[in-house]
Amino acid sequence: MVRLRQYSSVRNLVRTEVIAGTLVLAHADLDRSGGACLTLAHMEIADDCLFCKIISRTVPSVMVYEDDEVVAFRDIAPVAPVHVLIVPRRHIVDAGTLEREDQSVLIAMFLASKSIAYEEGIGANGYRLTFNVGEDAGNSVAHLHLHLLGGRFLAWPPG
């Protein structure tokens, strides 16, 4: 994978396309002289994964955040006024399949959650972050995702 440097705005993402099961991202920016430069990144995706299709823009969603490692979009069945899913671009089945080399993805997910919480106006009052692993936990999409919930009082214990 060619690594993109982090960018703070979705507007810099020029194009995404799936070619032979690989998500190709084109990122435009200005170089030091003010000229345009283009960076490409390639990431493996799963053909049958709903979240991979959202990442590749073949399935529509309401995006709220995007950087070189993760995307975040609104849940289609929210359980709180703010319910955002933070998803790595690279297909990882769930938290139970994480490996040591996935550390940067987890850090990116948590940093994105913090940024989104403040953008959504729930950072100061509190929010919940949740990973679901397996069917008994209610996981319905086999692609690692972090739920960001807030905007109301969240009782404990959940469920």
C-alpha atoms as a PDB file:
ATOM      1  CA  MET A   1       0.000   0.000   0.000  1.00  0.00           C
ATOM      2  CA  VAL A   2       1.234   3.477  -0.835  1.00  0.00           C
ATOM      3  CA  ARG A   3       0.552   5.579   2.233  1.00  0.00           C
ATOM      4  CA  LEU A   4      -1.176   8.932   1.870  1.00  0.00           C
ATOM      5  CA  ARG A   5      -0.405  11.640   4.351  1.00  0.00           C
ATOM      6  CA  GLN A   6      -3.409  12.663   6.415  1.00  0.00           C
ATOM      7  CA  TYR A   7      -5.604  15.335   4.970  1.00  0.00           C
ATOM      8  CA  SER A   8      -8.249  17.223   6.847  1.00  0.00           C
ATOM      9  CA  SER A   9     -10.903  17.652   4.213  1.00  0.00           C
ATOM     10  CA  VAL A  10     -12.980  15.428   1.994  1.00  0.00           C
ATOM     11  CA  ARG A  11     -12.654  18.072  -0.755  1.00  0.00           C
ATOM     12  CA  ASN A  12      -9.046  16.990  -1.387  1.00  0.00           C
ATOM     13  CA  LEU A  13     -10.150  13.475  -2.311  1.00  0.00           C
ATOM     14  CA  VAL A  14     -10.356  13.664  -6.083  1.00  0.00           C
ATOM     15  CA  ARG A  15     -11.548  10.199  -6.976  1.00  0.00           C
ATOM     16  CA  THR A  16     -12.094   6.702  -5.674  1.00  0.00           C
ATOM     17  CA  GLU A  17     -12.462   3.691  -7.898  1.00  0.00           C
ATOM     18  CA  VAL A  18     -12.455  -0.073  -7.454  1.00  0.00           C
ATOM     19  CA  ILE A  19     -10.150  -1.890  -9.846  1.00  0.00           C
ATOM     20  CA  ALA A  20      -9.881  -5.679  -9.554  1.00  0.00           C
ATOM     21  CA  GLY A  21     -10.884  -5.751  -5.892  1.00  0.00           C
ATOM     22  CA  THR A  22      -8.588  -2.889  -4.911  1.00  0.00           C
ATOM     23  CA  LEU A  23      -9.788   0.534  -3.817  1.00  0.00           C
ATOM     24  CA  VAL A  24      -7.745   3.197  -5.572  1.00  0.00           C
ATOM     25  CA  LEU A  25      -7.815   6.682  -4.055  1.00  0.00           C
ATOM     26  CA  ALA A  26      -6.542   9.755  -5.823  1.00  0.00           C
ATOM     27  CA  HIS A  27      -5.591  12.655  -3.562  1.00  0.00           C
ATOM     28  CA  ALA A  28      -4.761  16.108  -4.913  1.00  0.00           C
ATOM     29  CA  ASP A  29      -2.813  18.786  -3.095  1.00  0.00           C
ATOM     30  CA  LEU A  30      -0.487  21.671  -3.773  1.00  0.00           C
ATOM     31  CA  ASP A  31       3.261  21.137  -3.729  1.00  0.00           C
ATOM     32  CA  ARG A  32       5.741  23.671  -2.319  1.00  0.00           C
ATOM     33  CA  SER A  33       5.809  25.693  -5.533  1.00  0.00           C
ATOM     34  CA  GLY A  34       2.011  25.939  -5.620  1.00  0.00           C
ATOM     35  CA  GLY A  35       1.636  23.360  -8.382  1.00  0.00           C
ATOM     36  CA  ALA A  36      -0.787  20.479  -8.110  1.00  0.00           C
ATOM     37  CA  CYS A  37       0.472  17.042  -7.138  1.00  0.00           C
ATOM     38  CA  LEU A  38      -1.470  13.789  -7.167  1.00  0.00           C
ATOM     39  CA  THR A  39      -0.948  10.873  -4.808  1.00  0.00           C
ATOM     40  CA  LEU A  40      -2.455   7.430  -5.269  1.00  0.00           C
ATOM     41  CA  ALA A  41      -3.163   4.827  -2.618  1.00  0.00           C
ATOM     42  CA  HIS A  42      -4.282   1.243  -3.133  1.00  0.00           C
ATOM     43  CA  MET A  43      -6.170  -0.701  -0.454  1.00  0.00           C
ATOM     44  CA  GLU A  44      -7.649  -4.171  -0.533  1.00  0.00           C
ATOM     45  CA  ILE A  45     -11.406  -4.377  -0.149  1.00  0.00           C
ATOM     46  CA  ALA A  46     -13.876  -7.247   0.088  1.00  0.00           C
ATOM     47  CA  ASP A  47     -16.299  -7.536  -2.821  1.00  0.00           C
ATOM     48  CA  ASP A  48     -19.237  -8.588  -0.648  1.00  0.00           C
ATOM     49  CA  CYS A  49     -18.714  -6.080   2.198  1.00  0.00           C
ATOM     50  CA  LEU A  50     -21.254  -3.269   2.598  1.00  0.00           C
ATOM     51  CA  PHE A  51     -18.733  -0.962   4.296  1.00  0.00           C
ATOM     52  CA  CYS A  52     -16.123  -1.558   1.575  1.00  0.00           C
ATOM     53  CA  LYS A  53     -18.794  -0.532  -0.943  1.00  0.00           C
ATOM     54  CA  ILE A  54     -19.519   2.629   1.069  1.00  0.00           C
ATOM     55  CA  ILE A  55     -15.789   3.420   1.212  1.00  0.00           C
ATOM     56  CA  SER A  56     -15.490   2.942  -2.563  1.00  0.00           C
ATOM     57  CA  ARG A  57     -18.606   5.098  -3.103  1.00  0.00           C
ATOM     58  CA  THR A  58     -20.552   2.325  -4.851  1.00  0.00           C
ATOM     59  CA  VAL A  59     -23.137   2.497  -2.038  1.00  0.00           C
ATOM     60  CA  PRO A  60     -24.212   5.976  -0.925  1.00  0.00           C
ATOM     61  CA  SER A  61     -23.946   7.220   2.660  1.00  0.00           C
ATOM     62  CA  VAL A  62     -23.643  10.481   4.565  1.00  0.00           C
ATOM     63  CA  MET A  63     -19.909  10.925   5.164  1.00  0.00           C
ATOM     64  CA  VAL A  64     -18.883  13.025   8.157  1.00  0.00           C
ATOM     65  CA  TYR A  65     -15.112  12.431   8.262  1.00  0.00           C
ATOM     66  CA  GLU A  66     -12.374  11.060   6.074  1.00  0.00           C
ATOM     67  CA  ASP A  67      -8.596  10.707   6.223  1.00  0.00           C
ATOM     68  CA  ASP A  68      -6.027   8.347   4.749  1.00  0.00           C
ATOM     69  CA  GLU A  69      -6.841   5.459   7.120  1.00  0.00           C
ATOM     70  CA  VAL A  70     -10.505   5.791   8.085  1.00  0.00           C
ATOM     71  CA  VAL A  71     -13.870   7.077   6.931  1.00  0.00           C
ATOM     72  CA  ALA A  72     -16.891   7.887   9.076  1.00  0.00           C
ATOM     73  CA  PHE A  73     -20.531   8.010   8.091  1.00  0.00           C
ATOM     74  CA  ARG A  74     -23.935   8.208   9.755  1.00  0.00           C
ATOM     75  CA  ASP A  75     -25.554   4.926  10.797  1.00  0.00           C
ATOM     76  CA  ILE A  76     -28.698   4.173   8.774  1.00  0.00           C
ATOM     77  CA  ALA A  77     -30.474   2.926  11.926  1.00  0.00           C
ATOM     78  CA  PRO A  78     -29.318   5.378  14.629  1.00  0.00           C
ATOM     79  CA  VAL A  79     -29.903   4.577  18.305  1.00  0.00           C
ATOM     80  CA  ALA A  80     -28.902   8.057  19.478  1.00  0.00           C
ATOM     81  CA  PRO A  81     -29.174  11.583  18.046  1.00  0.00           C
ATOM     82  CA  VAL A  82     -25.531  11.230  16.982  1.00  0.00           C
ATOM     83  CA  HIS A  83     -24.670   7.749  15.719  1.00  0.00           C
ATOM     84  CA  VAL A  84     -21.616   7.613  13.475  1.00  0.00           C
ATOM     85  CA  LEU A  85     -19.652   4.575  12.308  1.00  0.00           C
ATOM     86  CA  ILE A  86     -15.887   4.960  12.029  1.00  0.00           C
ATOM     87  CA  VAL A  87     -14.444   2.404   9.639  1.00  0.00           C
ATOM     88  CA  PRO A  88     -10.911   1.605   8.451  1.00  0.00           C
ATOM     89  CA  ARG A  89     -10.420   1.863   4.696  1.00  0.00           C
ATOM     90  CA  ARG A  90      -8.634  -1.489   4.726  1.00  0.00           C
ATOM     91  CA  HIS A  91     -10.941  -4.452   5.222  1.00  0.00           C
ATOM     92  CA  ILE A  92     -10.519  -5.936   8.707  1.00  0.00           C
ATOM     93  CA  VAL A  93     -13.268  -8.340   9.798  1.00  0.00           C
ATOM     94  CA  ASP A  94     -13.669  -7.196  13.420  1.00  0.00           C
ATOM     95  CA  ALA A  95     -11.767  -6.417  16.624  1.00  0.00           C
ATOM     96  CA  GLY A  96     -11.315 -10.152  17.203  1.00  0.00           C
ATOM     97  CA  THR A  97      -9.104 -10.404  14.115  1.00  0.00           C
ATOM     98  CA  LEU A  98      -6.811  -7.447  14.851  1.00  0.00           C
ATOM     99  CA  GLU A  99      -3.068  -7.986  14.679  1.00  0.00           C
ATOM    100  CA  ARG A 100      -0.164  -5.972  16.120  1.00  0.00           C
ATOM    101  CA  GLU A 101       0.368  -4.263  12.756  1.00  0.00           C
ATOM    102  CA  ASP A 102      -3.168  -2.814  12.958  1.00  0.00           C
ATOM    103  CA  GLN A 103      -2.209  -0.391  15.743  1.00  0.00           C
ATOM    104  CA  SER A 104      -2.164   2.658  13.473  1.00  0.00           C
ATOM    105  CA  VAL A 105      -5.696   1.889  12.285  1.00  0.00           C
ATOM    106  CA  LEU A 106      -7.010   1.803  15.851  1.00  0.00           C
ATOM    107  CA  ILE A 107      -5.240   5.049  16.727  1.00  0.00           C
ATOM    108  CA  ALA A 108      -6.721   6.663  13.607  1.00  0.00           C
ATOM    109  CA  MET A 109     -10.203   5.436  14.566  1.00  0.00           C
ATOM    110  CA  PHE A 110      -9.966   6.858  18.098  1.00  0.00           C
ATOM    111  CA  LEU A 111      -8.534  10.192  16.922  1.00  0.00           C
ATOM    112  CA  ALA A 112     -11.300  10.445  14.326  1.00  0.00           C
ATOM    113  CA  SER A 113     -13.925   9.734  17.003  1.00  0.00           C
ATOM    114  CA  LYS A 114     -12.633  12.602  19.120  1.00  0.00           C
ATOM    115  CA  SER A 115     -12.667  15.002  16.186  1.00  0.00           C
ATOM    116  CA  ILE A 116     -16.159  13.958  15.092  1.00  0.00           C
ATOM    117  CA  ALA A 117     -17.535  14.187  18.655  1.00  0.00           C
ATOM    118  CA  TYR A 118     -16.471  17.824  18.890  1.00  0.00           C
ATOM    119  CA  GLU A 119     -17.690  18.600  15.357  1.00  0.00           C
ATOM    120  CA  GLU A 120     -21.072  17.082  16.247  1.00  0.00           C
ATOM    121  CA  GLY A 121     -21.265  19.109  19.468  1.00  0.00           C
ATOM    122  CA  ILE A 122     -21.124  16.153  21.881  1.00  0.00           C
ATOM    123  CA  GLY A 123     -17.447  16.265  22.833  1.00  0.00           C
ATOM    124  CA  ALA A 124     -17.938  18.306  26.006  1.00  0.00           C
ATOM    125  CA  ASN A 125     -20.955  16.460  27.459  1.00  0.00           C
ATOM    126  CA  GLY A 126     -19.813  12.938  26.714  1.00  0.00           C
ATOM    127  CA  TYR A 127     -20.208  10.162  24.202  1.00  0.00           C
ATOM    128  CA  ARG A 128     -19.840   6.395  23.969  1.00  0.00           C
ATOM    129  CA  LEU A 129     -17.474   4.410  21.756  1.00  0.00           C
ATOM    130  CA  THR A 130     -18.351   0.779  21.071  1.00  0.00           C
ATOM    131  CA  PHE A 131     -16.926  -2.135  19.085  1.00  0.00           C
ATOM    132  CA  ASN A 132     -19.240  -5.119  18.577  1.00  0.00           C
ATOM    133  CA  VAL A 133     -17.602  -8.481  17.907  1.00  0.00           C
ATOM    134  CA  GLY A 134     -19.713 -11.372  16.622  1.00  0.00           C
ATOM    135  CA  GLU A 135     -23.413 -12.054  16.250  1.00  0.00           C
ATOM    136  CA  ASP A 136     -24.163 -12.226  19.981  1.00  0.00           C
ATOM    137  CA  ALA A 137     -22.908  -8.658  20.335  1.00  0.00           C
ATOM    138  CA  GLY A 138     -25.174  -7.487  17.515  1.00  0.00           C
ATOM    139  CA  ASN A 139     -22.487  -7.116  14.854  1.00  0.00           C
ATOM    140  CA  SER A 140     -24.242  -7.263  11.487  1.00  0.00           C
ATOM    141  CA  VAL A 141     -21.455  -6.130   9.107  1.00  0.00           C
ATOM    142  CA  ALA A 142     -18.176  -8.059   9.080  1.00  0.00           C
ATOM    143  CA  HIS A 143     -15.932  -5.000   8.727  1.00  0.00           C
ATOM    144  CA  LEU A 144     -14.303  -3.447  11.788  1.00  0.00           C
ATOM    145  CA  HIS A 145     -16.265  -0.385  12.883  1.00  0.00           C
ATOM    146  CA  LEU A 146     -16.396   1.848  15.914  1.00  0.00           C
ATOM    147  CA  HIS A 147     -19.785   3.237  16.942  1.00  0.00           C
ATOM    148  CA  LEU A 148     -19.753   6.845  18.155  1.00  0.00           C
ATOM    149  CA  LEU A 149     -22.965   7.501  20.115  1.00  0.00           C
ATOM    150  CA  GLY A 150     -24.108  10.662  21.851  1.00  0.00           C
ATOM    151  CA  GLY A 151     -26.492  13.560  22.008  1.00  0.00           C
ATOM    152  CA  ARG A 152     -28.551  12.095  24.853  1.00  0.00           C
ATOM    153  CA  PHE A 153     -27.999  10.373  28.198  1.00  0.00           C
ATOM    154  CA  LEU A 154     -26.695   6.847  27.580  1.00  0.00           C
ATOM    155  CA  ALA A 155     -27.685   4.430  30.334  1.00  0.00           C
ATOM    156  CA  TRP A 156     -25.337   1.830  31.791  1.00  0.00           C
ATOM    157  CA  PRO A 157     -25.186  -1.083  31.340  1.00  0.00           C
ATOM    158  CA  PRO A 158     -26.032  -0.962  27.629  1.00  0.00           C
ATOM    159  CA  GLY A 159     -28.412  -3.419  25.979  1.00  0.00           C
END
